[in-house]
Amino acid sequence: MAIYYIESEKGTFLSEDGKRKFMRLCGREAYEYLCSAEGKKKRFMKTGAHEDGGEDEYVEVPSTYMRKHRKDERRVQYVSDCIEESGIVTVSLYAMADKETLELVNGEECIADESADVEENAFRSMELETLRKALKALTEEERRLVSALFYCGRQITETEYARANGISQQAVSKKKRAVLQKLKKFF
């Protein structure tokens, strides 16, 4: 059942600023008031669900406020329609929140770095992509060899790798040369 707050000198509910008094109407009493000549002239705005039973609440608002509110709504809709038609995409700063720390980034990440060499970065990116493809072409054993000799935090020597895998250092050296030749074909 909806609850209506009608501005009245007899009201017991005060507005937030304390300047206006409202009386509460609901059920049959509210229906009869809204159907009356006086009630038909009134304008109400929905404020939300009432705390007790989840009923909708409506508060009488002055007609000047309602005109301004509707004008603002039309403007917001107009701007929204214009943006949609233009194809412009708006990115909210709040959408850039760091998901792990839930902190907002400051937006500097979106500003182009004038000191960065775009051409160099593009070539580097292409080279890295070529390297990824080349490494995928290697067998599992070849990838382990490359990883141990070149990528690990502490790179190991051919001799250490040979001892760990029970083969000679010459065999490791021969495999390393073969892998490097295979990788060179991609570059």
N, C-alpha and C. Protein backbone atom coordinates (compact mmCIF):
# COMPACT_ATOMS: atom_id res chain seq x y z
N MET A 1 0.84 -1.16 0.00
CA MET A 1 0.00 0.00 0.00
C MET A 1 0.90 1.24 0.00
N ALA A 2 0.59 2.17 -0.85
CA ALA A 2 1.39 3.39 -0.97
C ALA A 2 1.10 4.35 0.17
N ILE A 3 2.10 5.11 0.55
CA ILE A 3 1.98 6.11 1.60
C ILE A 3 2.28 7.47 0.97
N TYR A 4 1.38 8.44 1.25
CA TYR A 4 1.53 9.79 0.69
C TYR A 4 1.73 10.77 1.83
N TYR A 5 2.68 11.70 1.64
CA TYR A 5 2.91 12.78 2.59
C TYR A 5 2.46 14.07 1.92
N ILE A 6 1.39 14.64 2.48
CA ILE A 6 0.79 15.84 1.90
C ILE A 6 1.14 17.04 2.78
N GLU A 7 1.54 18.13 2.13
CA GLU A 7 1.89 19.33 2.87
C GLU A 7 0.64 19.88 3.54
N SER A 8 0.74 20.10 4.86
CA SER A 8 -0.41 20.58 5.62
C SER A 8 0.07 21.24 6.91
N GLU A 9 -0.62 22.32 7.31
CA GLU A 9 -0.29 22.98 8.57
C GLU A 9 -0.56 22.05 9.76
N LYS A 10 -1.47 21.08 9.61
CA LYS A 10 -1.82 20.16 10.68
C LYS A 10 -0.83 18.98 10.76
N GLY A 11 0.10 18.92 9.82
CA GLY A 11 1.00 17.78 9.74
C GLY A 11 1.93 17.65 10.93
N THR A 12 2.33 16.42 11.18
CA THR A 12 3.24 16.14 12.29
C THR A 12 4.65 15.77 11.81
N PHE A 13 4.82 15.61 10.51
CA PHE A 13 6.13 15.28 9.93
C PHE A 13 6.75 16.54 9.35
N LEU A 14 8.00 16.80 9.69
CA LEU A 14 8.70 17.99 9.20
C LEU A 14 9.64 17.62 8.05
N SER A 15 9.84 18.59 7.15
CA SER A 15 10.82 18.41 6.08
C SER A 15 12.21 18.46 6.70
N GLU A 16 13.22 18.10 5.94
CA GLU A 16 14.59 18.09 6.46
C GLU A 16 15.03 19.46 6.95
N ASP A 17 14.61 20.50 6.25
CA ASP A 17 15.00 21.85 6.67
C ASP A 17 14.10 22.39 7.78
N GLY A 18 13.04 21.65 8.13
CA GLY A 18 12.13 22.04 9.21
C GLY A 18 11.16 23.15 8.86
N LYS A 19 11.08 23.55 7.59
CA LYS A 19 10.22 24.66 7.19
C LYS A 19 8.84 24.22 6.73
N ARG A 20 8.69 22.95 6.39
CA ARG A 20 7.40 22.48 5.88
C ARG A 20 6.89 21.33 6.74
N LYS A 21 5.56 21.27 6.91
CA LYS A 21 4.92 20.20 7.69
C LYS A 21 4.14 19.31 6.73
N PHE A 22 4.13 18.02 7.02
CA PHE A 22 3.41 17.06 6.20
C PHE A 22 2.56 16.16 7.07
N MET A 23 1.43 15.74 6.49
CA MET A 23 0.64 14.72 7.17
C MET A 23 0.66 13.47 6.30
N ARG A 24 0.54 12.35 6.96
CA ARG A 24 0.67 11.05 6.30
C ARG A 24 -0.71 10.50 5.97
N LEU A 25 -0.86 10.08 4.70
CA LEU A 25 -2.12 9.46 4.27
C LEU A 25 -1.80 8.13 3.60
N CYS A 26 -2.65 7.15 3.88
CA CYS A 26 -2.48 5.87 3.20
C CYS A 26 -3.85 5.19 3.10
N GLY A 27 -3.92 4.18 2.27
CA GLY A 27 -5.15 3.42 2.11
C GLY A 27 -6.28 4.23 1.51
N ARG A 28 -7.48 4.00 2.02
CA ARG A 28 -8.70 4.63 1.52
C ARG A 28 -8.63 6.15 1.65
N GLU A 29 -8.08 6.62 2.75
CA GLU A 29 -7.96 8.06 3.01
C GLU A 29 -7.11 8.73 1.92
N ALA A 30 -5.98 8.12 1.55
CA ALA A 30 -5.12 8.66 0.50
C ALA A 30 -5.83 8.64 -0.84
N TYR A 31 -6.54 7.54 -1.13
CA TYR A 31 -7.26 7.40 -2.40
C TYR A 31 -8.32 8.50 -2.54
N GLU A 32 -9.09 8.73 -1.49
CA GLU A 32 -10.14 9.74 -1.54
C GLU A 32 -9.53 11.14 -1.73
N TYR A 33 -8.41 11.40 -1.05
CA TYR A 33 -7.77 12.70 -1.18
C TYR A 33 -7.27 12.91 -2.61
N LEU A 34 -6.62 11.91 -3.17
CA LEU A 34 -6.06 12.03 -4.52
C LEU A 34 -7.15 12.18 -5.58
N CYS A 35 -8.34 11.66 -5.31
CA CYS A 35 -9.45 11.79 -6.26
C CYS A 35 -10.19 13.12 -6.11
N SER A 36 -9.96 13.82 -5.00
CA SER A 36 -10.63 15.10 -4.77
C SER A 36 -10.06 16.17 -5.69
N ALA A 37 -10.78 17.29 -5.80
CA ALA A 37 -10.34 18.40 -6.65
C ALA A 37 -9.00 18.94 -6.17
N GLU A 38 -8.83 19.06 -4.87
CA GLU A 38 -7.57 19.56 -4.31
C GLU A 38 -6.43 18.58 -4.58
N GLY A 39 -6.69 17.30 -4.38
CA GLY A 39 -5.67 16.26 -4.57
C GLY A 39 -5.20 16.14 -6.01
N LYS A 40 -6.10 16.39 -6.97
CA LYS A 40 -5.73 16.29 -8.38
C LYS A 40 -4.75 17.38 -8.80
N LYS A 41 -4.71 18.47 -8.03
CA LYS A 41 -3.80 19.56 -8.36
C LYS A 41 -2.39 19.34 -7.80
N LYS A 42 -2.27 18.40 -6.90
CA LYS A 42 -0.98 18.16 -6.22
C LYS A 42 -0.06 17.29 -7.07
N ARG A 43 1.22 17.47 -6.89
CA ARG A 43 2.24 16.68 -7.56
C ARG A 43 3.06 15.96 -6.51
N PHE A 44 3.35 14.68 -6.76
CA PHE A 44 4.09 13.86 -5.82
C PHE A 44 5.30 13.23 -6.49
N MET A 45 6.32 13.03 -5.68
CA MET A 45 7.53 12.38 -6.17
C MET A 45 7.79 11.16 -5.30
N LYS A 46 8.11 10.06 -5.95
CA LYS A 46 8.40 8.83 -5.22
C LYS A 46 9.76 8.95 -4.55
N THR A 47 9.79 8.63 -3.25
CA THR A 47 11.03 8.74 -2.51
C THR A 47 11.66 7.38 -2.23
N GLY A 48 10.91 6.31 -2.31
CA GLY A 48 11.47 4.99 -2.03
C GLY A 48 10.49 4.16 -1.25
N ALA A 49 10.96 3.02 -0.80
CA ALA A 49 10.11 2.11 -0.03
C ALA A 49 10.14 2.51 1.44
N HIS A 50 9.02 2.39 2.10
CA HIS A 50 8.92 2.70 3.52
C HIS A 50 9.67 1.64 4.30
N GLU A 51 10.28 2.02 5.39
CA GLU A 51 11.11 1.12 6.18
C GLU A 51 10.32 -0.04 6.77
N ASP A 52 9.08 0.19 7.21
CA ASP A 52 8.33 -0.84 7.91
C ASP A 52 7.91 -2.00 7.02
N GLY A 53 7.16 -1.71 5.98
CA GLY A 53 6.59 -2.81 5.21
C GLY A 53 6.97 -2.82 3.74
N GLY A 54 7.86 -1.97 3.33
CA GLY A 54 8.27 -1.97 1.94
C GLY A 54 7.31 -1.26 1.01
N GLU A 55 6.36 -0.47 1.57
CA GLU A 55 5.43 0.26 0.72
C GLU A 55 6.14 1.43 0.04
N ASP A 56 5.60 1.84 -1.10
CA ASP A 56 6.16 3.00 -1.79
C ASP A 56 5.73 4.27 -1.06
N GLU A 57 6.65 5.22 -0.99
CA GLU A 57 6.36 6.50 -0.36
C GLU A 57 6.41 7.60 -1.41
N TYR A 58 5.45 8.52 -1.31
CA TYR A 58 5.38 9.66 -2.22
C TYR A 58 5.27 10.92 -1.38
N VAL A 59 6.00 11.96 -1.76
CA VAL A 59 6.00 13.22 -1.03
C VAL A 59 5.54 14.32 -1.97
N GLU A 60 4.65 15.17 -1.46
CA GLU A 60 4.17 16.29 -2.26
C GLU A 60 5.32 17.25 -2.51
N VAL A 61 5.42 17.69 -3.76
CA VAL A 61 6.47 18.65 -4.12
C VAL A 61 5.81 19.84 -4.79
N PRO A 62 6.37 21.02 -4.63
CA PRO A 62 5.82 22.21 -5.29
C PRO A 62 5.91 22.05 -6.81
N SER A 63 4.95 22.63 -7.52
CA SER A 63 4.91 22.49 -8.98
C SER A 63 6.16 23.09 -9.63
N THR A 64 6.73 24.14 -9.02
CA THR A 64 7.95 24.73 -9.59
C THR A 64 9.11 23.74 -9.53
N TYR A 65 9.18 22.99 -8.44
CA TYR A 65 10.22 21.98 -8.30
C TYR A 65 10.02 20.87 -9.33
N MET A 66 8.77 20.46 -9.51
CA MET A 66 8.46 19.38 -10.46
C MET A 66 8.83 19.79 -11.88
N ARG A 67 8.53 21.04 -12.25
CA ARG A 67 8.91 21.52 -13.59
C ARG A 67 10.42 21.47 -13.78
N LYS A 68 11.15 21.95 -12.76
CA LYS A 68 12.61 21.93 -12.83
C LYS A 68 13.12 20.50 -12.89
N HIS A 69 12.55 19.62 -12.10
CA HIS A 69 12.97 18.21 -12.09
C HIS A 69 12.75 17.56 -13.46
N ARG A 70 11.58 17.80 -14.04
CA ARG A 70 11.30 17.22 -15.37
C ARG A 70 12.20 17.81 -16.44
N LYS A 71 12.49 19.10 -16.33
CA LYS A 71 13.41 19.74 -17.28
C LYS A 71 14.79 19.11 -17.17
N ASP A 72 15.25 18.88 -15.94
CA ASP A 72 16.54 18.23 -15.72
C ASP A 72 16.55 16.81 -16.28
N GLU A 73 15.46 16.07 -16.06
CA GLU A 73 15.36 14.70 -16.59
C GLU A 73 15.44 14.69 -18.11
N ARG A 74 14.71 15.64 -18.76
CA ARG A 74 14.75 15.72 -20.22
C ARG A 74 16.15 16.07 -20.71
N ARG A 75 16.84 16.96 -20.01
CA ARG A 75 18.19 17.33 -20.40
C ARG A 75 19.13 16.12 -20.29
N VAL A 76 19.05 15.39 -19.19
CA VAL A 76 19.88 14.21 -19.00
C VAL A 76 19.62 13.19 -20.12
N GLN A 77 18.34 13.00 -20.45
CA GLN A 77 17.99 12.07 -21.53
C GLN A 77 18.52 12.56 -22.87
N TYR A 78 18.42 13.86 -23.13
CA TYR A 78 18.91 14.44 -24.37
C TYR A 78 20.42 14.22 -24.50
N VAL A 79 21.17 14.52 -23.44
CA VAL A 79 22.62 14.34 -23.46
C VAL A 79 22.97 12.87 -23.67
N SER A 80 22.25 12.00 -22.99
CA SER A 80 22.47 10.56 -23.14
C SER A 80 22.23 10.11 -24.58
N ASP A 81 21.16 10.59 -25.18
CA ASP A 81 20.86 10.25 -26.58
C ASP A 81 21.94 10.77 -27.52
N CYS A 82 22.41 12.00 -27.28
CA CYS A 82 23.47 12.57 -28.13
C CYS A 82 24.76 11.76 -28.03
N ILE A 83 25.12 11.37 -26.84
CA ILE A 83 26.34 10.58 -26.64
C ILE A 83 26.21 9.24 -27.34
N GLU A 84 25.04 8.61 -27.19
CA GLU A 84 24.82 7.31 -27.83
C GLU A 84 24.90 7.41 -29.35
N GLU A 85 24.33 8.45 -29.92
CA GLU A 85 24.36 8.64 -31.37
C GLU A 85 25.77 8.97 -31.87
N SER A 86 26.58 9.65 -31.06
CA SER A 86 27.90 10.07 -31.50
C SER A 86 28.91 8.93 -31.48
N GLY A 87 28.64 7.91 -30.68
CA GLY A 87 29.58 6.80 -30.58
C GLY A 87 30.71 7.05 -29.60
N ILE A 88 30.64 8.15 -28.85
CA ILE A 88 31.66 8.46 -27.86
C ILE A 88 31.51 7.51 -26.69
N VAL A 89 32.63 7.00 -26.22
CA VAL A 89 32.62 6.11 -25.07
C VAL A 89 33.19 6.87 -23.88
N THR A 90 32.47 6.87 -22.79
CA THR A 90 32.89 7.55 -21.59
C THR A 90 33.47 6.52 -20.63
N VAL A 91 34.64 6.82 -20.09
CA VAL A 91 35.26 5.93 -19.12
C VAL A 91 35.23 6.63 -17.77
N SER A 92 34.61 5.99 -16.83
CA SER A 92 34.53 6.55 -15.50
C SER A 92 35.85 6.32 -14.76
N LEU A 93 36.26 7.28 -13.96
CA LEU A 93 37.45 7.11 -13.16
C LEU A 93 37.24 5.96 -12.18
N TYR A 94 36.00 5.76 -11.73
CA TYR A 94 35.71 4.69 -10.80
C TYR A 94 35.83 3.32 -11.46
N ALA A 95 35.69 3.27 -12.79
CA ALA A 95 35.86 2.00 -13.51
C ALA A 95 37.32 1.60 -13.54
N MET A 96 38.20 2.55 -13.23
CA MET A 96 39.63 2.27 -13.26
C MET A 96 40.15 1.90 -11.88
N ALA A 97 39.29 1.49 -10.97
CA ALA A 97 39.73 1.13 -9.63
C ALA A 97 40.57 -0.14 -9.70
N ASP A 98 41.62 -0.16 -8.91
CA ASP A 98 42.45 -1.35 -8.82
C ASP A 98 41.64 -2.41 -8.10
N LYS A 99 41.35 -3.50 -8.77
CA LYS A 99 40.45 -4.51 -8.24
C LYS A 99 41.01 -5.23 -7.01
N GLU A 100 42.33 -5.30 -6.89
CA GLU A 100 42.93 -5.98 -5.74
C GLU A 100 42.93 -5.11 -4.51
N THR A 101 43.29 -3.85 -4.65
CA THR A 101 43.38 -2.97 -3.49
C THR A 101 42.13 -2.13 -3.31
N LEU A 102 41.27 -2.12 -4.31
CA LEU A 102 40.03 -1.33 -4.33
C LEU A 102 40.31 0.17 -4.19
N GLU A 103 41.51 0.58 -4.60
CA GLU A 103 41.85 2.00 -4.58
C GLU A 103 41.69 2.55 -5.99
N LEU A 104 41.29 3.81 -6.05
CA LEU A 104 41.16 4.45 -7.36
C LEU A 104 42.52 4.85 -7.89
N VAL A 105 42.69 4.66 -9.18
CA VAL A 105 43.89 5.16 -9.81
C VAL A 105 43.66 6.63 -10.12
N ASN A 106 44.71 7.37 -10.34
CA ASN A 106 44.54 8.81 -10.51
C ASN A 106 44.33 9.24 -11.94
N GLY A 107 44.36 8.32 -12.89
CA GLY A 107 44.11 8.66 -14.28
C GLY A 107 45.36 8.95 -15.08
N GLU A 108 46.51 9.10 -14.41
CA GLU A 108 47.75 9.37 -15.12
C GLU A 108 48.10 8.23 -16.06
N GLU A 109 47.62 7.04 -15.75
CA GLU A 109 47.91 5.87 -16.57
C GLU A 109 47.30 6.02 -17.96
N CYS A 110 46.30 6.86 -18.09
CA CYS A 110 45.61 7.05 -19.37
C CYS A 110 46.27 8.13 -20.23
N ILE A 111 47.17 8.90 -19.66
CA ILE A 111 47.81 10.00 -20.39
C ILE A 111 49.02 9.45 -21.12
N ALA A 112 49.13 9.81 -22.38
CA ALA A 112 50.24 9.32 -23.20
C ALA A 112 51.57 9.81 -22.65
N ASP A 113 52.56 8.94 -22.68
CA ASP A 113 53.91 9.29 -22.24
C ASP A 113 54.65 9.89 -23.43
N GLU A 114 54.87 11.21 -23.39
CA GLU A 114 55.51 11.91 -24.49
C GLU A 114 56.96 11.47 -24.69
N SER A 115 57.61 10.99 -23.63
CA SER A 115 59.01 10.60 -23.73
C SER A 115 59.16 9.21 -24.34
N ALA A 116 58.09 8.45 -24.43
CA ALA A 116 58.17 7.09 -24.96
C ALA A 116 58.29 7.13 -26.49
N ASP A 117 59.14 6.26 -27.03
CA ASP A 117 59.30 6.14 -28.47
C ASP A 117 58.31 5.11 -28.97
N VAL A 118 57.24 5.57 -29.59
CA VAL A 118 56.15 4.69 -30.02
C VAL A 118 56.65 3.67 -31.03
N GLU A 119 57.49 4.10 -31.95
CA GLU A 119 58.01 3.18 -32.98
C GLU A 119 58.84 2.08 -32.34
N GLU A 120 59.71 2.45 -31.40
CA GLU A 120 60.54 1.47 -30.72
C GLU A 120 59.68 0.48 -29.94
N ASN A 121 58.66 1.01 -29.24
CA ASN A 121 57.77 0.13 -28.49
C ASN A 121 57.02 -0.83 -29.40
N ALA A 122 56.61 -0.36 -30.57
CA ALA A 122 55.90 -1.22 -31.52
C ALA A 122 56.81 -2.34 -32.02
N PHE A 123 58.07 -2.00 -32.37
CA PHE A 123 59.01 -3.02 -32.82
C PHE A 123 59.30 -4.03 -31.71
N ARG A 124 59.48 -3.52 -30.51
CA ARG A 124 59.74 -4.40 -29.36
C ARG A 124 58.57 -5.35 -29.15
N SER A 125 57.37 -4.84 -29.25
CA SER A 125 56.18 -5.67 -29.09
C SER A 125 56.12 -6.75 -30.17
N MET A 126 56.46 -6.38 -31.40
CA MET A 126 56.45 -7.36 -32.49
C MET A 126 57.54 -8.42 -32.27
N GLU A 127 58.70 -7.99 -31.81
CA GLU A 127 59.78 -8.94 -31.54
C GLU A 127 59.40 -9.91 -30.43
N LEU A 128 58.75 -9.39 -29.38
CA LEU A 128 58.32 -10.27 -28.29
C LEU A 128 57.29 -11.28 -28.76
N GLU A 129 56.39 -10.85 -29.62
CA GLU A 129 55.39 -11.77 -30.17
C GLU A 129 56.05 -12.85 -31.01
N THR A 130 57.06 -12.46 -31.81
CA THR A 130 57.80 -13.44 -32.62
C THR A 130 58.54 -14.41 -31.71
N LEU A 131 59.13 -13.90 -30.63
CA LEU A 131 59.83 -14.76 -29.68
C LEU A 131 58.87 -15.76 -29.03
N ARG A 132 57.68 -15.30 -28.67
CA ARG A 132 56.69 -16.22 -28.08
C ARG A 132 56.35 -17.36 -29.05
N LYS A 133 56.14 -17.00 -30.32
CA LYS A 133 55.83 -18.02 -31.34
C LYS A 133 56.99 -18.98 -31.50
N ALA A 134 58.22 -18.45 -31.49
CA ALA A 134 59.40 -19.29 -31.66
C ALA A 134 59.53 -20.27 -30.49
N LEU A 135 59.32 -19.78 -29.28
CA LEU A 135 59.42 -20.65 -28.10
C LEU A 135 58.33 -21.73 -28.10
N LYS A 136 57.16 -21.40 -28.64
CA LYS A 136 56.09 -22.41 -28.72
C LYS A 136 56.44 -23.52 -29.70
N ALA A 137 57.31 -23.20 -30.68
CA ALA A 137 57.70 -24.20 -31.68
C ALA A 137 58.71 -25.20 -31.12
N LEU A 138 59.31 -24.89 -29.97
CA LEU A 138 60.30 -25.79 -29.38
C LEU A 138 59.62 -26.96 -28.67
N THR A 139 60.35 -28.06 -28.54
CA THR A 139 59.84 -29.20 -27.77
C THR A 139 59.94 -28.85 -26.29
N GLU A 140 59.31 -29.65 -25.45
CA GLU A 140 59.34 -29.42 -24.00
C GLU A 140 60.77 -29.47 -23.48
N GLU A 141 61.57 -30.41 -23.95
CA GLU A 141 62.96 -30.55 -23.51
C GLU A 141 63.77 -29.32 -23.93
N GLU A 142 63.56 -28.82 -25.16
CA GLU A 142 64.27 -27.64 -25.64
C GLU A 142 63.89 -26.40 -24.84
N ARG A 143 62.60 -26.29 -24.48
CA ARG A 143 62.15 -25.14 -23.67
C ARG A 143 62.78 -25.16 -22.29
N ARG A 144 62.90 -26.36 -21.70
CA ARG A 144 63.54 -26.46 -20.38
C ARG A 144 65.00 -26.02 -20.47
N LEU A 145 65.67 -26.41 -21.54
CA LEU A 145 67.07 -26.02 -21.73
C LEU A 145 67.20 -24.51 -21.85
N VAL A 146 66.40 -23.90 -22.70
CA VAL A 146 66.43 -22.44 -22.89
C VAL A 146 66.10 -21.74 -21.58
N SER A 147 65.08 -22.21 -20.89
CA SER A 147 64.67 -21.60 -19.63
C SER A 147 65.80 -21.67 -18.60
N ALA A 148 66.44 -22.81 -18.48
CA ALA A 148 67.51 -22.98 -17.49
C ALA A 148 68.72 -22.13 -17.83
N LEU A 149 69.08 -22.06 -19.10
CA LEU A 149 70.31 -21.36 -19.48
C LEU A 149 70.14 -19.85 -19.63
N PHE A 150 68.91 -19.40 -19.96
CA PHE A 150 68.74 -17.97 -20.28
C PHE A 150 67.72 -17.22 -19.41
N TYR A 151 66.67 -17.89 -18.92
CA TYR A 151 65.57 -17.16 -18.28
C TYR A 151 65.52 -17.22 -16.77
N CYS A 152 65.99 -18.25 -16.16
CA CYS A 152 65.84 -18.41 -14.71
C CYS A 152 66.43 -17.23 -13.97
N GLY A 153 65.92 -16.99 -12.76
CA GLY A 153 66.44 -15.91 -11.93
C GLY A 153 67.94 -16.07 -11.75
N ARG A 154 68.39 -17.29 -11.52
CA ARG A 154 69.82 -17.59 -11.43
C ARG A 154 70.11 -18.53 -12.58
N GLN A 155 70.68 -17.99 -13.64
CA GLN A 155 70.99 -18.81 -14.81
C GLN A 155 72.09 -19.80 -14.43
N ILE A 156 71.96 -20.99 -14.99
CA ILE A 156 72.97 -22.01 -14.69
C ILE A 156 73.88 -22.20 -15.90
N THR A 157 75.01 -22.77 -15.67
CA THR A 157 75.96 -23.01 -16.75
C THR A 157 75.61 -24.31 -17.46
N GLU A 158 76.23 -24.51 -18.63
CA GLU A 158 76.02 -25.74 -19.38
C GLU A 158 76.45 -26.96 -18.55
N THR A 159 77.55 -26.80 -17.81
CA THR A 159 78.07 -27.89 -16.98
C THR A 159 77.07 -28.26 -15.88
N GLU A 160 76.51 -27.25 -15.21
CA GLU A 160 75.52 -27.51 -14.15
C GLU A 160 74.28 -28.20 -14.73
N TYR A 161 73.85 -27.74 -15.90
CA TYR A 161 72.68 -28.34 -16.55
C TYR A 161 72.97 -29.80 -16.91
N ALA A 162 74.19 -30.04 -17.42
CA ALA A 162 74.59 -31.40 -17.81
C ALA A 162 74.57 -32.32 -16.59
N ARG A 163 75.15 -31.86 -15.47
CA ARG A 163 75.16 -32.68 -14.25
C ARG A 163 73.75 -32.97 -13.76
N ALA A 164 72.88 -31.95 -13.78
CA ALA A 164 71.50 -32.11 -13.29
C ALA A 164 70.69 -33.09 -14.14
N ASN A 165 71.04 -33.21 -15.43
CA ASN A 165 70.27 -34.07 -16.34
C ASN A 165 71.01 -35.35 -16.72
N GLY A 166 72.19 -35.57 -16.17
CA GLY A 166 72.94 -36.81 -16.40
C GLY A 166 73.46 -36.96 -17.81
N ILE A 167 73.86 -35.84 -18.43
CA ILE A 167 74.45 -35.89 -19.77
C ILE A 167 75.74 -35.10 -19.78
N SER A 168 76.49 -35.20 -20.86
CA SER A 168 77.78 -34.49 -20.93
C SER A 168 77.56 -33.01 -21.27
N GLN A 169 78.57 -32.21 -20.92
CA GLN A 169 78.51 -30.78 -21.22
C GLN A 169 78.54 -30.56 -22.72
N GLN A 170 79.24 -31.39 -23.47
CA GLN A 170 79.30 -31.27 -24.93
C GLN A 170 77.92 -31.50 -25.54
N ALA A 171 77.15 -32.46 -24.97
CA ALA A 171 75.80 -32.73 -25.48
C ALA A 171 74.89 -31.52 -25.23
N VAL A 172 75.06 -30.90 -24.07
CA VAL A 172 74.27 -29.70 -23.76
C VAL A 172 74.63 -28.59 -24.72
N SER A 173 75.93 -28.40 -24.98
CA SER A 173 76.38 -27.35 -25.89
C SER A 173 75.83 -27.58 -27.30
N LYS A 174 75.85 -28.83 -27.74
CA LYS A 174 75.34 -29.19 -29.07
C LYS A 174 73.83 -28.90 -29.16
N LYS A 175 73.08 -29.29 -28.10
CA LYS A 175 71.61 -29.03 -28.07
C LYS A 175 71.34 -27.53 -28.06
N LYS A 176 72.15 -26.79 -27.31
CA LYS A 176 71.97 -25.34 -27.21
C LYS A 176 72.15 -24.69 -28.58
N ARG A 177 73.23 -25.09 -29.31
CA ARG A 177 73.45 -24.54 -30.65
C ARG A 177 72.28 -24.88 -31.58
N ALA A 178 71.77 -26.10 -31.49
CA ALA A 178 70.67 -26.53 -32.35
C ALA A 178 69.41 -25.71 -32.05
N VAL A 179 69.13 -25.47 -30.76
CA VAL A 179 67.96 -24.69 -30.37
C VAL A 179 68.10 -23.25 -30.85
N LEU A 180 69.28 -22.67 -30.70
CA LEU A 180 69.50 -21.29 -31.14
C LEU A 180 69.35 -21.17 -32.66
N GLN A 181 69.82 -22.16 -33.40
CA GLN A 181 69.63 -22.16 -34.86
C GLN A 181 68.15 -22.22 -35.19
N LYS A 182 67.40 -23.03 -34.45
CA LYS A 182 65.97 -23.16 -34.67
C LYS A 182 65.26 -21.83 -34.40
N LEU A 183 65.67 -21.15 -33.36
CA LEU A 183 65.06 -19.86 -32.99
C LEU A 183 65.42 -18.77 -34.01
N LYS A 184 66.65 -18.83 -34.57
CA LYS A 184 67.08 -17.82 -35.54
C LYS A 184 66.22 -17.81 -36.78
N LYS A 185 65.65 -18.97 -37.11
CA LYS A 185 64.80 -19.06 -38.31
C LYS A 185 63.56 -18.17 -38.19
N PHE A 186 63.15 -17.87 -36.98
CA PHE A 186 61.98 -17.02 -36.77
C PHE A 186 62.32 -15.53 -36.91
N PHE A 187 63.60 -15.22 -36.79
CA PHE A 187 64.03 -13.83 -36.85
C PHE A 187 64.76 -13.59 -38.15
